């Protein structure tokens, strides 16, 4: 359920919009008849979504959008436009509105736009989290007591293959070569991660290096045992 602010100088239109929102399980927490009222109510109510008419007295919807977005960059505003207001809709979108709907309003299309705008932030957050995870290295290397300790974490995966391949190949000229695969508290590996490690492990062994496995998980040890085979 989302909290909605409806902005329109027509009480009939506000009533119609409220009905659509309520039918879809949302709650209208405020109504405004012009842009100035909209700015004040937005700051007071902090709604999840605003529907904004374009032509209104005192302040039109395009200017109201600009003012709201300046103070609240994450505001989600849908413009409610007449068919001949395309240029003003374009200006509103440039000012920060997320989408628009044309009068007379088709309930199904409007509902789809509402859901799209409301869910956009969640999708962006999920995407951002995914991007951050992709940028986190799944392993790090340190040299301790004559051995190279390669410590793996929960972010290890396909994105780390080239980095690990390059690191291991760069160590092969060192004699004697001692490497430890350290999995810390990791309990399992994906099939893909296992294959990447098997390939690098065999490369180390076949080049005359010594490879040790350090893990708290017997499953990981068993999965990589064939390296010694």
C-alpha atoms as a PDB file:
ATOM      1  CA  UNK A   1       0.000   0.000   0.000  1.00  0.00           C
ATOM      2  CA  UNK A   2       1.256   3.464  -0.936  1.00  0.00           C
ATOM      3  CA  UNK A   3       0.371   6.853   0.520  1.00  0.00           C
ATOM      4  CA  UNK A   4      -0.833   9.176  -2.229  1.00  0.00           C
ATOM      5  CA  UNK A   5      -1.161  12.932  -2.687  1.00  0.00           C
ATOM      6  CA  UNK A   6      -3.709  13.894  -5.388  1.00  0.00           C
ATOM      7  CA  UNK A   7      -3.302  17.328  -6.968  1.00  0.00           C
ATOM      8  CA  UNK A   8      -6.011  18.673  -9.284  1.00  0.00           C
ATOM      9  CA  UNK A   9      -8.175  21.798  -9.372  1.00  0.00           C
ATOM     10  CA  UNK A  10     -11.208  19.671 -10.289  1.00  0.00           C
ATOM     11  CA  UNK A  11     -12.901  18.075  -7.292  1.00  0.00           C
ATOM     12  CA  UNK A  12     -14.539  15.570  -9.646  1.00  0.00           C
ATOM     13  CA  UNK A  13     -11.167  14.472 -11.020  1.00  0.00           C
ATOM     14  CA  UNK A  14      -9.726  14.203  -7.525  1.00  0.00           C
ATOM     15  CA  UNK A  15     -12.655  12.004  -6.532  1.00  0.00           C
ATOM     16  CA  UNK A  16     -12.163   9.755  -9.571  1.00  0.00           C
ATOM     17  CA  UNK A  17      -8.438   9.397  -8.890  1.00  0.00           C
ATOM     18  CA  UNK A  18      -9.080   8.630  -5.229  1.00  0.00           C
ATOM     19  CA  UNK A  19     -11.461   5.836  -6.239  1.00  0.00           C
ATOM     20  CA  UNK A  20      -8.830   4.261  -8.502  1.00  0.00           C
ATOM     21  CA  UNK A  21      -6.210   4.389  -5.763  1.00  0.00           C
ATOM     22  CA  UNK A  22      -8.514   2.945  -3.127  1.00  0.00           C
ATOM     23  CA  UNK A  23      -9.619   0.136  -5.464  1.00  0.00           C
ATOM     24  CA  UNK A  24      -5.945  -0.821  -5.782  1.00  0.00           C
ATOM     25  CA  UNK A  25      -5.316  -0.849  -2.040  1.00  0.00           C
ATOM     26  CA  UNK A  26      -3.581   2.519  -1.765  1.00  0.00           C
ATOM     27  CA  UNK A  27      -4.399   5.350   0.622  1.00  0.00           C
ATOM     28  CA  UNK A  28      -4.968   8.976  -0.379  1.00  0.00           C
ATOM     29  CA  UNK A  29      -3.488  10.995   2.475  1.00  0.00           C
ATOM     30  CA  UNK A  30      -3.941  14.452   0.974  1.00  0.00           C
ATOM     31  CA  UNK A  31      -5.578  16.500  -1.788  1.00  0.00           C
ATOM     32  CA  UNK A  32      -4.495  19.819  -3.254  1.00  0.00           C
ATOM     33  CA  UNK A  33      -6.242  22.133  -5.712  1.00  0.00           C
ATOM     34  CA  UNK A  34      -3.165  23.927  -7.051  1.00  0.00           C
ATOM     35  CA  UNK A  35       0.609  23.736  -7.253  1.00  0.00           C
ATOM     36  CA  UNK A  36       1.320  25.855  -4.198  1.00  0.00           C
ATOM     37  CA  UNK A  37      -0.843  23.681  -1.978  1.00  0.00           C
ATOM     38  CA  UNK A  38       0.871  20.632  -3.461  1.00  0.00           C
ATOM     39  CA  UNK A  39       4.327  21.903  -2.447  1.00  0.00           C
ATOM     40  CA  UNK A  40       3.193  22.575   1.121  1.00  0.00           C
ATOM     41  CA  UNK A  41       1.379  19.249   1.493  1.00  0.00           C
ATOM     42  CA  UNK A  42       4.270  17.280   0.021  1.00  0.00           C
ATOM     43  CA  UNK A  43       6.644  18.645   2.666  1.00  0.00           C
ATOM     44  CA  UNK A  44       4.131  17.918   5.430  1.00  0.00           C
ATOM     45  CA  UNK A  45       2.943  14.473   4.330  1.00  0.00           C
ATOM     46  CA  UNK A  46       5.947  12.980   2.450  1.00  0.00           C
ATOM     47  CA  UNK A  47       3.714  10.819   0.207  1.00  0.00           C
ATOM     48  CA  UNK A  48       4.995   7.807  -1.709  1.00  0.00           C
ATOM     49  CA  UNK A  49       3.411   9.086  -4.910  1.00  0.00           C
ATOM     50  CA  UNK A  50       1.848  12.277  -6.300  1.00  0.00           C
ATOM     51  CA  UNK A  51      -0.563  12.697  -9.208  1.00  0.00           C
ATOM     52  CA  UNK A  52      -0.172  16.206 -10.574  1.00  0.00           C
ATOM     53  CA  UNK A  53      -2.586  18.035 -12.851  1.00  0.00           C
ATOM     54  CA  UNK A  54      -0.931  20.449 -15.288  1.00  0.00           C
ATOM     55  CA  UNK A  55      -3.327  23.393 -15.688  1.00  0.00           C
ATOM     56  CA  UNK A  56      -4.261  24.830 -12.287  1.00  0.00           C
ATOM     57  CA  UNK A  57      -4.704  28.293 -10.761  1.00  0.00           C
ATOM     58  CA  UNK A  58      -1.988  30.048  -8.710  1.00  0.00           C
ATOM     59  CA  UNK A  59       0.744  27.614  -9.809  1.00  0.00           C
ATOM     60  CA  UNK A  60       0.628  25.049 -12.600  1.00  0.00           C
ATOM     61  CA  UNK A  61       1.769  21.449 -12.257  1.00  0.00           C
ATOM     62  CA  UNK A  62       4.999  21.880 -14.227  1.00  0.00           C
ATOM     63  CA  UNK A  63       6.291  24.558 -11.841  1.00  0.00           C
ATOM     64  CA  UNK A  64       5.089  22.580  -8.823  1.00  0.00           C
ATOM     65  CA  UNK A  65       7.032  19.529  -9.968  1.00  0.00           C
ATOM     66  CA  UNK A  66      10.194  21.600 -10.320  1.00  0.00           C
ATOM     67  CA  UNK A  67       9.781  23.055  -6.823  1.00  0.00           C
ATOM     68  CA  UNK A  68       9.086  19.688  -5.201  1.00  0.00           C
ATOM     69  CA  UNK A  69      11.973  17.910  -6.929  1.00  0.00           C
ATOM     70  CA  UNK A  70      14.411  20.638  -5.872  1.00  0.00           C
ATOM     71  CA  UNK A  71      13.657  19.885  -2.229  1.00  0.00           C
ATOM     72  CA  UNK A  72      12.823  16.190  -2.527  1.00  0.00           C
ATOM     73  CA  UNK A  73      14.896  14.578  -5.269  1.00  0.00           C
ATOM     74  CA  UNK A  74      13.317  11.142  -4.777  1.00  0.00           C
ATOM     75  CA  UNK A  75       9.731  12.390  -5.201  1.00  0.00           C
ATOM     76  CA  UNK A  76       7.617  10.209  -7.472  1.00  0.00           C
ATOM     77  CA  UNK A  77       5.213  12.316  -9.509  1.00  0.00           C
ATOM     78  CA  UNK A  78       2.839  11.256 -12.289  1.00  0.00           C
ATOM     79  CA  UNK A  79       1.470  14.031 -14.482  1.00  0.00           C
ATOM     80  CA  UNK A  80      -2.241  14.054 -15.357  1.00  0.00           C
ATOM     81  CA  UNK A  81      -2.494  15.714 -18.757  1.00  0.00           C
ATOM     82  CA  UNK A  82      -5.039  16.726 -21.366  1.00  0.00           C
ATOM     83  CA  UNK A  83      -4.371  15.500 -24.880  1.00  0.00           C
ATOM     84  CA  UNK A  84      -3.118  18.887 -26.129  1.00  0.00           C
ATOM     85  CA  UNK A  85      -0.556  19.421 -23.341  1.00  0.00           C
ATOM     86  CA  UNK A  86       2.339  17.361 -24.718  1.00  0.00           C
ATOM     87  CA  UNK A  87       4.862  20.211 -24.510  1.00  0.00           C
ATOM     88  CA  UNK A  88       4.009  20.862 -20.856  1.00  0.00           C
ATOM     89  CA  UNK A  89       4.247  17.156 -20.112  1.00  0.00           C
ATOM     90  CA  UNK A  90       7.704  17.167 -21.686  1.00  0.00           C
ATOM     91  CA  UNK A  91       8.721  20.098 -19.477  1.00  0.00           C
ATOM     92  CA  UNK A  92       7.382  18.305 -16.394  1.00  0.00           C
ATOM     93  CA  UNK A  93       9.382  15.171 -17.248  1.00  0.00           C
ATOM     94  CA  UNK A  94      12.503  17.335 -17.671  1.00  0.00           C
ATOM     95  CA  UNK A  95      11.775  18.828 -14.246  1.00  0.00           C
ATOM     96  CA  UNK A  96      11.682  15.384 -12.643  1.00  0.00           C
ATOM     97  CA  UNK A  97       8.220  13.860 -13.111  1.00  0.00           C
ATOM     98  CA  UNK A  98       8.421  10.081 -13.501  1.00  0.00           C
ATOM     99  CA  UNK A  99       5.560   9.442 -15.938  1.00  0.00           C
ATOM    100  CA  UNK A 100       2.262  10.796 -17.218  1.00  0.00           C
ATOM    101  CA  UNK A 101      -1.307   9.759 -18.011  1.00  0.00           C
ATOM    102  CA  UNK A 102      -3.687  11.323 -20.536  1.00  0.00           C
ATOM    103  CA  UNK A 103      -7.280  12.293 -19.756  1.00  0.00           C
ATOM    104  CA  UNK A 104      -9.777  10.679 -19.925  1.00  0.00           C
ATOM    105  CA  UNK A 105      -8.029   8.179 -17.712  1.00  0.00           C
ATOM    106  CA  UNK A 106      -8.082   4.483 -18.524  1.00  0.00           C
ATOM    107  CA  UNK A 107      -8.099   2.761 -15.131  1.00  0.00           C
ATOM    108  CA  UNK A 108      -6.052  -0.278 -16.216  1.00  0.00           C
ATOM    109  CA  UNK A 109      -3.371   1.758 -17.964  1.00  0.00           C
ATOM    110  CA  UNK A 110      -3.220   4.181 -15.056  1.00  0.00           C
ATOM    111  CA  UNK A 111      -2.836   1.324 -12.566  1.00  0.00           C
ATOM    112  CA  UNK A 112       0.026  -0.111 -14.625  1.00  0.00           C
ATOM    113  CA  UNK A 113       1.796   3.278 -14.607  1.00  0.00           C
ATOM    114  CA  UNK A 114       1.254   3.629 -10.851  1.00  0.00           C
ATOM    115  CA  UNK A 115       2.813   0.230 -10.204  1.00  0.00           C
ATOM    116  CA  UNK A 116       5.701   0.953 -12.557  1.00  0.00           C
ATOM    117  CA  UNK A 117       6.564   4.230 -10.825  1.00  0.00           C
ATOM    118  CA  UNK A 118       6.135   2.832  -7.297  1.00  0.00           C
ATOM    119  CA  UNK A 119       8.313  -0.200  -8.040  1.00  0.00           C
ATOM    120  CA  UNK A 120      11.014   1.688  -9.928  1.00  0.00           C
ATOM    121  CA  UNK A 121      12.908   2.678  -6.770  1.00  0.00           C
ATOM    122  CA  UNK A 122      12.991  -0.908  -5.480  1.00  0.00           C
ATOM    123  CA  UNK A 123      14.342  -2.087  -8.811  1.00  0.00           C
ATOM    124  CA  UNK A 124      16.975   0.660  -8.779  1.00  0.00           C
ATOM    125  CA  UNK A 125      18.023  -0.299  -5.267  1.00  0.00           C
ATOM    126  CA  UNK A 126      18.248  -3.950  -6.204  1.00  0.00           C
ATOM    127  CA  UNK A 127      20.289  -3.042  -9.250  1.00  0.00           C
ATOM    128  CA  UNK A 128      22.590  -0.847  -7.184  1.00  0.00           C
ATOM    129  CA  UNK A 129      23.116  -3.615  -4.638  1.00  0.00           C
ATOM    130  CA  UNK A 130      23.882  -6.053  -7.432  1.00  0.00           C
ATOM    131  CA  UNK A 131      26.353  -3.650  -9.013  1.00  0.00           C
ATOM    132  CA  UNK A 132      28.088  -3.139  -5.688  1.00  0.00           C
ATOM    133  CA  UNK A 133      28.324  -6.869  -5.126  1.00  0.00           C
ATOM    134  CA  UNK A 134      29.782  -7.313  -8.600  1.00  0.00           C
ATOM    135  CA  UNK A 135      32.463  -4.772  -7.772  1.00  0.00           C
ATOM    136  CA  UNK A 136      33.462  -6.508  -4.534  1.00  0.00           C
ATOM    137  CA  UNK A 137      36.372  -8.873  -5.013  1.00  0.00           C
ATOM    138  CA  UNK A 138      35.629 -12.467  -4.146  1.00  0.00           C
ATOM    139  CA  UNK A 139      39.171 -13.113  -2.920  1.00  0.00           C
ATOM    140  CA  UNK A 140      42.319 -11.454  -1.637  1.00  0.00           C
ATOM    141  CA  UNK A 141      45.943 -12.571  -1.519  1.00  0.00           C
ATOM    142  CA  UNK A 142      48.655 -12.153   1.092  1.00  0.00           C
ATOM    143  CA  UNK A 143      52.138 -13.569   1.491  1.00  0.00           C
ATOM    144  CA  UNK A 144      52.703 -15.118   4.915  1.00  0.00           C
ATOM    145  CA  UNK A 145      55.595 -17.305   6.057  1.00  0.00           C
ATOM    146  CA  UNK A 146      56.645 -18.225   2.540  1.00  0.00           C
ATOM    147  CA  UNK A 147      53.138 -19.154   1.387  1.00  0.00           C
ATOM    148  CA  UNK A 148      50.608 -17.277  -0.683  1.00  0.00           C
ATOM    149  CA  UNK A 149      47.277 -17.278   1.150  1.00  0.00           C
ATOM    150  CA  UNK A 150      44.344 -16.831  -1.212  1.00  0.00           C
ATOM    151  CA  UNK A 151      41.323 -16.110   0.991  1.00  0.00           C
ATOM    152  CA  UNK A 152      37.897 -16.539  -0.623  1.00  0.00           C
ATOM    153  CA  UNK A 153      34.628 -14.959   0.506  1.00  0.00           C
ATOM    154  CA  UNK A 154      30.909 -15.210  -0.295  1.00  0.00           C
ATOM    155  CA  UNK A 155      31.262 -12.852  -3.288  1.00  0.00           C
ATOM    156  CA  UNK A 156      33.548 -15.233  -5.193  1.00  0.00           C
ATOM    157  CA  UNK A 157      32.158 -16.189  -8.593  1.00  0.00           C
ATOM    158  CA  UNK A 158      32.507 -15.907 -12.348  1.00  0.00           C
ATOM    159  CA  UNK A 159      33.439 -12.200 -12.175  1.00  0.00           C
ATOM    160  CA  UNK A 160      36.624 -13.211 -10.313  1.00  0.00           C
ATOM    161  CA  UNK A 161      37.777 -15.868 -12.772  1.00  0.00           C
ATOM    162  CA  UNK A 162      40.086 -13.683 -14.847  1.00  0.00           C
ATOM    163  CA  UNK A 163      41.600 -12.080 -11.758  1.00  0.00           C
ATOM    164  CA  UNK A 164      42.295 -15.428 -10.103  1.00  0.00           C
ATOM    165  CA  UNK A 165      43.651 -16.962 -13.314  1.00  0.00           C
ATOM    166  CA  UNK A 166      46.049 -14.050 -13.764  1.00  0.00           C
ATOM    167  CA  UNK A 167      47.163 -14.126 -10.124  1.00  0.00           C
ATOM    168  CA  UNK A 168      47.852 -17.868 -10.125  1.00  0.00           C
ATOM    169  CA  UNK A 169      49.725 -17.783 -13.441  1.00  0.00           C
ATOM    170  CA  UNK A 170      51.833 -14.934 -12.111  1.00  0.00           C
ATOM    171  CA  UNK A 171      52.906 -17.089  -9.145  1.00  0.00           C
ATOM    172  CA  UNK A 172      53.944 -20.154 -11.131  1.00  0.00           C
ATOM    173  CA  UNK A 173      57.512 -18.911 -11.752  1.00  0.00           C
ATOM    174  CA  UNK A 174      58.158 -18.839  -7.979  1.00  0.00           C
ATOM    175  CA  UNK A 175      60.094 -21.861  -6.665  1.00  0.00           C
ATOM    176  CA  UNK A 176      59.306 -23.421  -4.312  1.00  0.00           C
ATOM    177  CA  UNK A 177      55.677 -22.388  -4.700  1.00  0.00           C
ATOM    178  CA  UNK A 178      53.337 -22.826  -1.749  1.00  0.00           C
ATOM    179  CA  UNK A 179      49.710 -21.721  -1.988  1.00  0.00           C
ATOM    180  CA  UNK A 180      46.839 -22.022   0.453  1.00  0.00           C
ATOM    181  CA  UNK A 181      43.200 -21.799  -0.605  1.00  0.00           C
ATOM    182  CA  UNK A 182      41.565 -20.426   2.543  1.00  0.00           C
ATOM    183  CA  UNK A 183      37.733 -20.512   2.628  1.00  0.00           C
ATOM    184  CA  UNK A 184      37.329 -19.252   6.187  1.00  0.00           C
ATOM    185  CA  UNK A 185      33.754 -19.767   7.335  1.00  0.00           C
ATOM    186  CA  UNK A 186      32.305 -20.415   3.884  1.00  0.00           C
ATOM    187  CA  UNK A 187      30.136 -23.518   3.949  1.00  0.00           C
ATOM    188  CA  UNK A 188      29.616 -24.222   0.260  1.00  0.00           C
ATOM    189  CA  UNK A 189      30.613 -23.224  -3.255  1.00  0.00           C
ATOM    190  CA  UNK A 190      28.555 -22.942  -6.400  1.00  0.00           C
ATOM    191  CA  UNK A 191      29.256 -25.435  -9.164  1.00  0.00           C
ATOM    192  CA  UNK A 192      30.804 -22.686 -11.263  1.00  0.00           C
ATOM    193  CA  UNK A 193      33.051 -21.459  -8.444  1.00  0.00           C
ATOM    194  CA  UNK A 194      34.145 -25.021  -7.757  1.00  0.00           C
ATOM    195  CA  UNK A 195      35.141 -25.522 -11.390  1.00  0.00           C
ATOM    196  CA  UNK A 196      37.155 -22.284 -11.451  1.00  0.00           C
ATOM    197  CA  UNK A 197      39.037 -23.378  -8.322  1.00  0.00           C
ATOM    198  CA  UNK A 198      39.602 -26.894  -9.643  1.00  0.00           C
ATOM    199  CA  UNK A 199      41.148 -25.519 -12.835  1.00  0.00           C
ATOM    200  CA  UNK A 200      43.493 -23.212 -10.936  1.00  0.00           C
ATOM    201  CA  UNK A 201      44.313 -25.852  -8.342  1.00  0.00           C
ATOM    202  CA  UNK A 202      45.324 -28.365 -10.975  1.00  0.00           C
ATOM    203  CA  UNK A 203      47.446 -25.730 -12.692  1.00  0.00           C
ATOM    204  CA  UNK A 204      49.332 -25.153  -9.434  1.00  0.00           C
ATOM    205  CA  UNK A 205      49.864 -28.875  -8.785  1.00  0.00           C
ATOM    206  CA  UNK A 206      50.837 -29.685 -12.382  1.00  0.00           C
ATOM    207  CA  UNK A 207      53.412 -26.878 -12.283  1.00  0.00           C
ATOM    208  CA  UNK A 208      55.114 -28.461  -9.286  1.00  0.00           C
ATOM    209  CA  UNK A 209      53.562 -26.207  -6.678  1.00  0.00           C
ATOM    210  CA  UNK A 210      52.205 -27.221  -3.291  1.00  0.00           C
ATOM    211  CA  UNK A 211      48.540 -26.506  -2.633  1.00  0.00           C
ATOM    212  CA  UNK A 212      46.783 -26.736   0.707  1.00  0.00           C
ATOM    213  CA  UNK A 213      43.073 -26.370   1.382  1.00  0.00           C
ATOM    214  CA  UNK A 214      41.886 -24.641   4.540  1.00  0.00           C
ATOM    215  CA  UNK A 215      38.163 -24.708   5.302  1.00  0.00           C
ATOM    216  CA  UNK A 216      35.687 -25.303   8.089  1.00  0.00           C
ATOM    217  CA  UNK A 217      33.373 -27.024   5.647  1.00  0.00           C
ATOM    218  CA  UNK A 218      33.878 -30.652   4.773  1.00  0.00           C
ATOM    219  CA  UNK A 219      31.691 -30.100   1.716  1.00  0.00           C
ATOM    220  CA  UNK A 220      34.201 -27.649   0.266  1.00  0.00           C
ATOM    221  CA  UNK A 221      37.152 -29.944   1.002  1.00  0.00           C
ATOM    222  CA  UNK A 222      35.379 -32.881  -0.648  1.00  0.00           C
ATOM    223  CA  UNK A 223      34.421 -30.804  -3.684  1.00  0.00           C
ATOM    224  CA  UNK A 224      38.066 -29.848  -4.305  1.00  0.00           C
ATOM    225  CA  UNK A 225      39.745 -33.135  -3.366  1.00  0.00           C
ATOM    226  CA  UNK A 226      40.131 -34.169  -7.013  1.00  0.00           C
ATOM    227  CA  UNK A 227      42.786 -31.454  -7.366  1.00  0.00           C
ATOM    228  CA  UNK A 228      45.174 -33.861  -5.689  1.00  0.00           C
ATOM    229  CA  UNK A 229      44.011 -36.722  -7.887  1.00  0.00           C
END
